[in-house]
Amino acid sequence: MSPRIIPIPLSGDLRKAQAKGVRHADGLHDTYFEQSKLIRSTAEAKIREADRLECTHVGVDNW
């Protein structure tokens, strides 16, 4: 049986602050995720270019 989660009751101001913090964290997550996708795609392009150059180099060495 999974443990039961009982939320702590919050007053109006604390509830607003918690919601604001959750929205802020969600926004940071989205921002970091987009940045990581951009960096990852750039790195993958560089790896593909390095593989292509290595194959070209091996082809030249065989001649």
Protein backbone atom coordinates (compact mmCIF):
# COMPACT_ATOMS: atom_id res chain seq x y z
CA MET A 1 0.00 0.00 0.00
CA SER A 2 1.41 3.38 -0.94
CA PRO A 3 1.79 6.03 1.74
CA ARG A 4 -1.00 8.54 2.02
CA ILE A 5 0.01 12.12 1.33
CA ILE A 6 -1.80 14.60 3.52
CA PRO A 7 -1.26 18.18 2.35
CA ILE A 8 -0.60 20.82 4.98
CA PRO A 9 -3.37 23.41 4.93
CA LEU A 10 -2.02 26.82 3.97
CA SER A 11 -3.47 30.26 4.47
CA GLY A 12 -4.24 32.44 1.45
CA ASP A 13 -0.90 34.25 1.39
CA LEU A 14 1.13 31.09 1.84
CA ARG A 15 -0.91 29.32 -0.84
CA LYS A 16 -0.24 32.20 -3.25
CA ALA A 17 3.48 32.15 -2.44
CA GLN A 18 3.63 28.39 -2.96
CA ALA A 19 1.81 28.65 -6.30
CA LYS A 20 4.18 31.43 -7.37
CA GLY A 21 7.19 29.29 -6.44
CA VAL A 22 5.83 26.33 -8.37
CA ARG A 23 5.22 28.50 -11.46
CA HIS A 24 8.73 29.95 -11.16
CA ALA A 25 10.29 26.48 -10.89
CA ASP A 26 8.25 25.27 -13.87
CA GLY A 27 9.44 28.25 -15.91
CA LEU A 28 13.06 27.56 -14.97
CA HIS A 29 12.64 23.92 -15.95
CA ASP A 30 11.28 24.88 -19.37
CA THR A 31 14.09 27.40 -19.91
CA TYR A 32 16.80 24.92 -18.94
CA PHE A 33 15.21 22.21 -21.07
CA GLU A 34 15.21 24.46 -24.15
CA GLN A 35 18.84 25.44 -23.52
CA SER A 36 19.87 21.81 -23.13
CA LYS A 37 18.13 20.89 -26.40
CA LEU A 38 20.00 23.69 -28.20
CA ILE A 39 23.37 22.71 -26.72
CA ARG A 40 22.74 19.01 -27.40
CA SER A 41 21.83 19.65 -31.05
CA THR A 42 24.96 21.77 -31.52
CA ALA A 43 27.12 19.06 -29.95
CA GLU A 44 25.54 16.35 -32.10
CA ALA A 45 26.22 18.42 -35.23
CA LYS A 46 29.87 18.75 -34.23
CA ILE A 47 30.12 15.01 -33.61
CA ARG A 48 28.61 14.28 -37.05
CA GLU A 49 31.11 16.69 -38.65
CA ALA A 50 34.00 15.02 -36.78
CA ASP A 51 32.83 11.58 -37.94
CA ARG A 52 32.59 12.81 -41.53
CA LEU A 53 36.10 14.27 -41.39
CA GLU A 54 37.45 11.06 -39.87
CA CYS A 55 35.89 8.99 -42.66
CA THR A 56 37.35 11.36 -45.26
CA HIS A 57 40.76 11.09 -43.61
CA VAL A 58 40.63 7.28 -43.65
CA GLY A 59 39.61 7.36 -47.31
CA VAL A 60 42.54 9.61 -48.18
CA ASP A 61 44.96 7.38 -46.24
CA ASN A 62 43.79 4.33 -48.20
CA TRP A 63 44.71 5.98 -51.50
